[in-house]
Amino acid sequence: MQAQHQSSSDSKANTLANIDAQSARHLMAIRIVGTALFDYQVRKTADARIRLECLTGFAKELGDIDAAEFAVVAQLLAGDSSPRHDTTDRTFTLEGATL
């Protein structure tokens, strides 16, 4: 049994490796932007909004997300233009509550 080797004259396609690297980079960008979006949706703080805006802008500039994905985040931010202030200094009471 002999091993078969490609000769150097055969064309070698490396597009699969490029697509895989591109896909992995895109998925990582979606994960990072998605995490920032989730954080902003939960906290509604100015810091979370700034972080989301910056990460989304960087990802678009680097080509890691496309215009449609960028537009989704922009639309969500436009629909909620007033971030909630930090509520850690509020006091809550259970007076009159029944369990």
C-alpha atoms as a PDB file:
ATOM      1  CA  MET A   1       0.000   0.000   0.000  1.00  0.00           C
ATOM      2  CA  GLN A   2       1.447   3.334  -1.015  1.00  0.00           C
ATOM      3  CA  ALA A   3       0.541   6.717   0.341  1.00  0.00           C
ATOM      4  CA  GLN A   4      -0.704   9.196  -2.200  1.00  0.00           C
ATOM      5  CA  HIS A   5       0.803  12.663  -2.093  1.00  0.00           C
ATOM      6  CA  GLN A   6      -0.311  15.764  -3.912  1.00  0.00           C
ATOM      7  CA  SER A   7       2.254  17.043  -6.308  1.00  0.00           C
ATOM      8  CA  SER A   8       3.312  20.649  -6.060  1.00  0.00           C
ATOM      9  CA  SER A   9       1.696  21.325  -9.430  1.00  0.00           C
ATOM     10  CA  ASP A  10      -1.780  20.486  -8.083  1.00  0.00           C
ATOM     11  CA  SER A  11      -3.746  23.531  -7.028  1.00  0.00           C
ATOM     12  CA  LYS A  12      -4.373  23.706  -3.325  1.00  0.00           C
ATOM     13  CA  ALA A  13      -7.529  25.385  -2.149  1.00  0.00           C
ATOM     14  CA  ASN A  14      -7.261  27.086   1.203  1.00  0.00           C
ATOM     15  CA  THR A  15     -10.645  28.783   1.095  1.00  0.00           C
ATOM     16  CA  LEU A  16     -12.143  26.414   3.645  1.00  0.00           C
ATOM     17  CA  ALA A  17      -9.579  27.459   6.246  1.00  0.00           C
ATOM     18  CA  ASN A  18     -10.222  31.129   5.444  1.00  0.00           C
ATOM     19  CA  ILE A  19     -13.985  30.675   5.725  1.00  0.00           C
ATOM     20  CA  ASP A  20     -13.621  28.851   9.021  1.00  0.00           C
ATOM     21  CA  ALA A  21     -11.419  31.611  10.457  1.00  0.00           C
ATOM     22  CA  GLN A  22     -13.824  34.264   9.204  1.00  0.00           C
ATOM     23  CA  SER A  23     -16.803  32.420  10.654  1.00  0.00           C
ATOM     24  CA  ALA A  24     -15.087  31.990  13.994  1.00  0.00           C
ATOM     25  CA  ARG A  25     -14.192  35.678  14.116  1.00  0.00           C
ATOM     26  CA  HIS A  26     -17.763  36.670  13.182  1.00  0.00           C
ATOM     27  CA  LEU A  27     -19.225  34.399  15.848  1.00  0.00           C
ATOM     28  CA  MET A  28     -16.841  35.825  18.448  1.00  0.00           C
ATOM     29  CA  ALA A  29     -17.886  39.366  17.516  1.00  0.00           C
ATOM     30  CA  ILE A  30     -21.560  38.392  17.746  1.00  0.00           C
ATOM     31  CA  ARG A  31     -20.917  36.865  21.156  1.00  0.00           C
ATOM     32  CA  ILE A  32     -19.126  39.961  22.463  1.00  0.00           C
ATOM     33  CA  VAL A  33     -21.668  42.432  21.074  1.00  0.00           C
ATOM     34  CA  GLY A  34     -24.530  40.165  22.185  1.00  0.00           C
ATOM     35  CA  THR A  35     -23.181  40.033  25.726  1.00  0.00           C
ATOM     36  CA  ALA A  36     -22.894  43.829  25.802  1.00  0.00           C
ATOM     37  CA  LEU A  37     -26.427  44.113  24.422  1.00  0.00           C
ATOM     38  CA  PHE A  38     -27.760  41.758  27.070  1.00  0.00           C
ATOM     39  CA  ASP A  39     -25.929  43.710  29.771  1.00  0.00           C
ATOM     40  CA  TYR A  40     -27.430  46.967  28.506  1.00  0.00           C
ATOM     41  CA  GLN A  41     -30.941  45.515  28.270  1.00  0.00           C
ATOM     42  CA  VAL A  42     -30.731  44.324  31.878  1.00  0.00           C
ATOM     43  CA  ARG A  43     -28.938  47.256  33.520  1.00  0.00           C
ATOM     44  CA  LYS A  44     -29.915  50.234  31.322  1.00  0.00           C
ATOM     45  CA  THR A  45     -26.969  52.255  32.622  1.00  0.00           C
ATOM     46  CA  ALA A  46     -25.024  54.870  30.701  1.00  0.00           C
ATOM     47  CA  ASP A  47     -21.834  52.806  31.093  1.00  0.00           C
ATOM     48  CA  ALA A  48     -23.478  49.718  29.600  1.00  0.00           C
ATOM     49  CA  ARG A  49     -24.804  51.789  26.694  1.00  0.00           C
ATOM     50  CA  ILE A  50     -21.391  53.326  25.979  1.00  0.00           C
ATOM     51  CA  ARG A  51     -19.763  49.889  26.101  1.00  0.00           C
ATOM     52  CA  LEU A  52     -22.345  48.513  23.660  1.00  0.00           C
ATOM     53  CA  GLU A  53     -21.944  51.464  21.290  1.00  0.00           C
ATOM     54  CA  CYS A  54     -18.143  51.191  21.320  1.00  0.00           C
ATOM     55  CA  LEU A  55     -18.000  47.430  20.846  1.00  0.00           C
ATOM     56  CA  THR A  56     -20.563  47.537  18.041  1.00  0.00           C
ATOM     57  CA  GLY A  57     -18.710  50.364  16.292  1.00  0.00           C
ATOM     58  CA  PHE A  58     -15.362  48.581  16.577  1.00  0.00           C
ATOM     59  CA  ALA A  59     -16.810  45.321  15.276  1.00  0.00           C
ATOM     60  CA  LYS A  60     -18.344  47.102  12.277  1.00  0.00           C
ATOM     61  CA  GLU A  61     -15.137  49.015  11.499  1.00  0.00           C
ATOM     62  CA  LEU A  62     -13.141  45.784  11.596  1.00  0.00           C
ATOM     63  CA  GLY A  63     -15.665  44.042   9.358  1.00  0.00           C
ATOM     64  CA  ASP A  64     -16.600  41.491  11.996  1.00  0.00           C
ATOM     65  CA  ILE A  65     -20.295  42.380  11.832  1.00  0.00           C
ATOM     66  CA  ASP A  66     -22.170  43.554   8.777  1.00  0.00           C
ATOM     67  CA  ALA A  67     -24.386  46.601   8.262  1.00  0.00           C
ATOM     68  CA  ALA A  68     -27.580  44.673   9.017  1.00  0.00           C
ATOM     69  CA  GLU A  69     -26.266  43.460  12.381  1.00  0.00           C
ATOM     70  CA  PHE A  70     -25.057  46.957  13.193  1.00  0.00           C
ATOM     71  CA  ALA A  71     -28.501  48.340  12.273  1.00  0.00           C
ATOM     72  CA  VAL A  72     -30.220  45.956  14.702  1.00  0.00           C
ATOM     73  CA  VAL A  73     -28.184  47.306  17.612  1.00  0.00           C
ATOM     74  CA  ALA A  74     -28.625  50.911  16.436  1.00  0.00           C
ATOM     75  CA  GLN A  75     -32.379  50.420  16.214  1.00  0.00           C
ATOM     76  CA  LEU A  76     -32.532  48.971  19.727  1.00  0.00           C
ATOM     77  CA  LEU A  77     -30.485  51.880  21.062  1.00  0.00           C
ATOM     78  CA  ALA A  78     -32.644  54.427  19.221  1.00  0.00           C
ATOM     79  CA  GLY A  79     -35.799  52.944  20.709  1.00  0.00           C
ATOM     80  CA  ASP A  80     -34.454  53.310  24.237  1.00  0.00           C
ATOM     81  CA  SER A  81     -32.649  56.637  24.372  1.00  0.00           C
ATOM     82  CA  SER A  82     -32.933  57.228  28.119  1.00  0.00           C
ATOM     83  CA  PRO A  83     -30.685  54.947  30.162  1.00  0.00           C
ATOM     84  CA  ARG A  84     -31.808  54.151  33.670  1.00  0.00           C
ATOM     85  CA  HIS A  85     -29.700  55.627  36.440  1.00  0.00           C
ATOM     86  CA  ASP A  86     -28.054  53.378  38.971  1.00  0.00           C
ATOM     87  CA  THR A  87     -30.581  52.351  41.608  1.00  0.00           C
ATOM     88  CA  THR A  88     -28.233  51.035  44.283  1.00  0.00           C
ATOM     89  CA  ASP A  89     -28.979  53.905  46.658  1.00  0.00           C
ATOM     90  CA  ARG A  90     -32.749  53.264  46.744  1.00  0.00           C
ATOM     91  CA  THR A  91     -34.327  51.735  49.790  1.00  0.00           C
ATOM     92  CA  PHE A  92     -37.195  49.315  49.409  1.00  0.00           C
ATOM     93  CA  THR A  93     -39.630  48.240  52.035  1.00  0.00           C
ATOM     94  CA  LEU A  94     -41.894  45.264  52.370  1.00  0.00           C
ATOM     95  CA  GLU A  95     -44.197  47.079  54.749  1.00  0.00           C
ATOM     96  CA  GLY A  96     -47.738  45.853  54.310  1.00  0.00           C
ATOM     97  CA  ALA A  97     -46.691  42.969  52.074  1.00  0.00           C
ATOM     98  CA  THR A  98     -48.032  39.518  52.820  1.00  0.00           C
ATOM     99  CA  LEU A  99     -46.289  36.290  51.998  1.00  0.00           C
END
